[in-house]
Every structure is written in structure tokens, then in C-alpha cells.
Protein backbone atom coordinates (compact mmCIF):
# COMPACT_ATOMS: atom_id res chain seq x y z
CA MET A 1 -169.95 -180.25 4.92
CA SER A 2 -168.85 -183.72 4.03
CA THR A 3 -172.02 -185.75 4.35
CA ILE A 4 -175.74 -185.29 4.07
CA ILE A 5 -176.11 -185.96 7.79
CA ASP A 6 -173.50 -183.32 8.68
CA LEU A 7 -175.29 -180.91 6.39
CA MET A 8 -178.66 -181.58 8.01
CA LEU A 9 -177.20 -181.29 11.53
CA ALA A 10 -175.73 -177.91 10.57
CA ILE A 11 -179.27 -176.56 10.17
CA LYS A 12 -179.94 -174.85 13.47
CA GLU A 13 -182.36 -172.22 14.66
CA GLY A 14 -181.76 -169.01 12.77
CA CYS A 15 -179.45 -170.81 10.34
CA ILE A 16 -180.58 -171.31 6.77
CA ILE A 17 -178.55 -173.34 4.29
CA PHE A 18 -178.91 -172.99 0.54
CA TYR A 19 -177.98 -175.20 -2.36
CA HIS A 20 -176.68 -173.34 -5.41
CA LYS A 21 -177.31 -175.29 -8.58
CA ASP A 22 -174.85 -173.22 -10.65
CA THR A 23 -171.88 -174.11 -8.43
CA ASN A 24 -173.18 -177.36 -6.87
CA GLN A 25 -172.35 -175.90 -3.46
CA PHE A 26 -174.14 -175.67 -0.12
CA ASP A 27 -173.65 -172.56 1.98
CA TYR A 28 -175.29 -170.10 4.35
CA TYR A 29 -175.81 -167.36 1.76
CA PRO A 30 -178.96 -167.06 -0.33
CA TYR A 31 -176.94 -166.57 -3.51
CA SER A 32 -173.91 -168.26 -4.98
CA GLN A 33 -170.66 -166.33 -5.33
CA ILE A 34 -171.32 -166.04 -9.06
CA GLU A 35 -174.70 -164.38 -8.52
CA ARG A 36 -173.49 -162.18 -5.64
CA LYS A 37 -171.10 -160.43 -8.01
CA GLU A 38 -173.97 -159.58 -10.34
CA MET A 39 -176.58 -158.21 -7.92
CA SER A 40 -177.24 -155.73 -5.18
CA PHE A 41 -177.42 -156.91 -1.56
CA ASP A 42 -181.01 -155.81 -1.03
CA LYS A 43 -182.48 -158.09 -3.72
CA LEU A 44 -184.72 -160.82 -2.29
CA ILE A 45 -184.83 -164.43 -3.43
CA PRO A 46 -187.71 -164.83 -5.85
CA LYS A 47 -190.27 -167.51 -5.03
CA ASN A 48 -189.43 -169.44 -8.20
CA ASP A 49 -185.65 -169.21 -8.14
CA ILE A 50 -184.21 -171.76 -10.56
CA ASN A 51 -180.73 -171.68 -9.06
CA ASN A 52 -180.99 -171.25 -5.27
CA PHE A 53 -182.78 -173.79 -3.11
CA ARG A 54 -183.33 -173.40 0.62
CA LEU A 55 -182.91 -176.63 2.54
CA PRO A 56 -185.61 -177.55 5.06
CA SER A 57 -185.69 -175.20 8.02
CA TYR A 58 -184.85 -176.01 11.61
CA LYS A 59 -188.55 -176.25 12.45
CA GLU A 60 -189.30 -178.43 9.45
CA ILE A 61 -186.67 -180.98 10.47
CA ASP A 62 -187.66 -181.27 14.17
CA HIS A 63 -184.23 -182.29 15.44
CA LYS A 64 -185.56 -182.50 18.99
CA ASP A 65 -187.98 -185.27 18.08
CA ILE A 66 -185.24 -187.25 16.33
CA MET A 67 -182.86 -186.79 19.24
CA ARG A 68 -185.52 -187.69 21.78
CA PHE A 69 -186.24 -190.90 19.83
CA TYR A 70 -182.55 -191.81 19.98
CA VAL A 71 -182.37 -191.35 23.73
CA LYS A 72 -185.57 -193.34 24.35
CA GLU A 73 -184.81 -196.21 22.03
CA CYS A 74 -181.03 -196.51 21.93
CA VAL A 75 -179.50 -195.27 25.19
CA GLU A 76 -179.67 -197.85 27.94
CA ASP A 77 -177.65 -196.21 30.72
CA LYS A 78 -180.03 -194.32 33.00
CA GLU A 79 -177.58 -191.53 33.88
CA THR A 80 -176.69 -190.96 30.24
CA ARG A 81 -180.36 -190.82 29.30
CA LYS A 82 -180.96 -188.27 32.04
CA GLN A 83 -178.08 -186.07 30.84
CA LEU A 84 -179.29 -186.13 27.24
CA PHE A 85 -182.94 -185.51 28.12
CA ASN A 86 -181.89 -182.55 30.29
CA ILE A 87 -180.06 -181.03 27.34
CA LEU A 88 -183.16 -181.46 25.17
CA ARG A 89 -185.17 -179.34 27.64
CA ARG A 90 -183.11 -176.28 26.70
CA ASP A 91 -184.15 -173.77 24.07
CA GLU A 92 -180.79 -174.02 22.33
CA TYR A 93 -179.89 -177.67 22.63
CA MET A 94 -178.31 -178.68 19.30
CA ASP A 95 -174.64 -177.94 19.96
CA ALA A 96 -174.78 -179.12 23.58
CA TYR A 97 -176.50 -182.37 22.59
CA LEU A 98 -174.03 -183.15 19.82
CA ASP A 99 -171.09 -182.21 22.06
CA LYS A 100 -172.41 -184.53 24.78
CA LEU A 101 -172.77 -187.35 22.26
CA HIS A 102 -169.12 -186.86 21.27
CA GLU A 103 -168.07 -186.69 24.93
CA LEU A 104 -169.87 -189.96 25.67
CA ASN A 105 -168.61 -191.62 22.47
CA LEU A 106 -172.21 -192.01 21.27
CA TYR A 107 -172.09 -189.79 18.20
CA ASP A 108 -171.42 -192.64 15.75
CA ASP A 109 -174.18 -194.68 17.37
CA PHE A 110 -176.55 -191.72 16.99
CA ILE A 111 -175.64 -191.44 13.30
CA ASP A 112 -176.16 -195.18 12.83
CA ALA A 113 -179.55 -195.04 14.55
CA CYS A 114 -180.90 -191.75 13.18
CA GLY A 115 -178.87 -190.98 10.09
CA ASP A 116 -181.46 -192.56 7.82
CA VAL A 117 -184.06 -190.07 9.07
CA TYR A 118 -181.86 -187.14 8.06
CA ILE A 119 -181.07 -188.76 4.71
CA GLN A 120 -184.79 -189.31 4.07
CA ILE A 121 -185.57 -185.65 4.85
CA PHE A 122 -182.80 -184.58 2.46
CA GLU A 123 -183.98 -186.94 -0.30
CA GLU A 124 -187.58 -185.74 0.02
CA TRP A 125 -186.36 -182.13 -0.22
CA ALA A 126 -184.30 -182.97 -3.32
CA ASP A 127 -187.26 -184.75 -4.96
CA GLU A 128 -189.60 -181.84 -4.23
CA ASN A 129 -187.15 -179.48 -5.91
CA GLY A 130 -186.32 -181.74 -8.85
CA LEU A 131 -182.68 -182.05 -7.80
CA VAL A 132 -180.56 -185.14 -8.37
CA PHE A 133 -177.40 -185.80 -6.37
CA LYS A 134 -174.92 -188.55 -7.19
């Protein structure tokens, strides 16, 4: 995951991403590769884990609200707006919405318009967890 925005957009329903302080890596597993070698699979993440940090959840981010804002404020073509709003009515909309943005050559515009929101969410998460990224 090359950028913060890509990382935040990878957080989908049922998908949890973790930051592992020992390896400075983000992945979908609750433990880093180093820790996985040392523990059993049934061990749960302790509430005060000093190495593994769960990024904000899908519900905490509210992608739909961010995407709806983009369509309302930044998309002028009526047919395009209709297509994007129809996708946002689905239960599982993330991949379809992002695919449609790519198809319509609007993905970069979406990132320009809404990327700061995702970066702010990430920075607030990092501050809450006492993490510093360069």
C-alpha cells in the first residue's frame, strides 16, 4: 500500500488492517510475522498491545459519506452523478465505486478532492496511538 489514501481505501467491510510497530508494516493480520512465529493462533490481541495497532474500522471511516460528498460537490455531469449515486445505494459499494471512478477517469479528481479527509483520519488515528510517521 503505497500511500495513506490507498491504505485507507483498502479498509472495507469485514477487512481490518493493522500497523505493526516492530516491523513498521501494515497488513491484514493482527500480528506481525515476528510475533506470529512466537505464539499460538488462538491468542487474542490484548487491549493494551504495544506493538499492534488496528487502523480505524470501515464504520469509523464512513467512506459512503465521503464519496457522497464528492459526487454532490465535484461531479457536474448529471449522468455521471446518477451512476455514482446508484452505486452508493448498494450494500457493498466500495470496489464498484472506485472502479467506476477509474472507468470515468475521475479517480485522481476524487483523490484531490477527498484525499485530505482520509489523511486527516489517518493522522488522528496516529496521534491517538502515539505513533509518528515520517
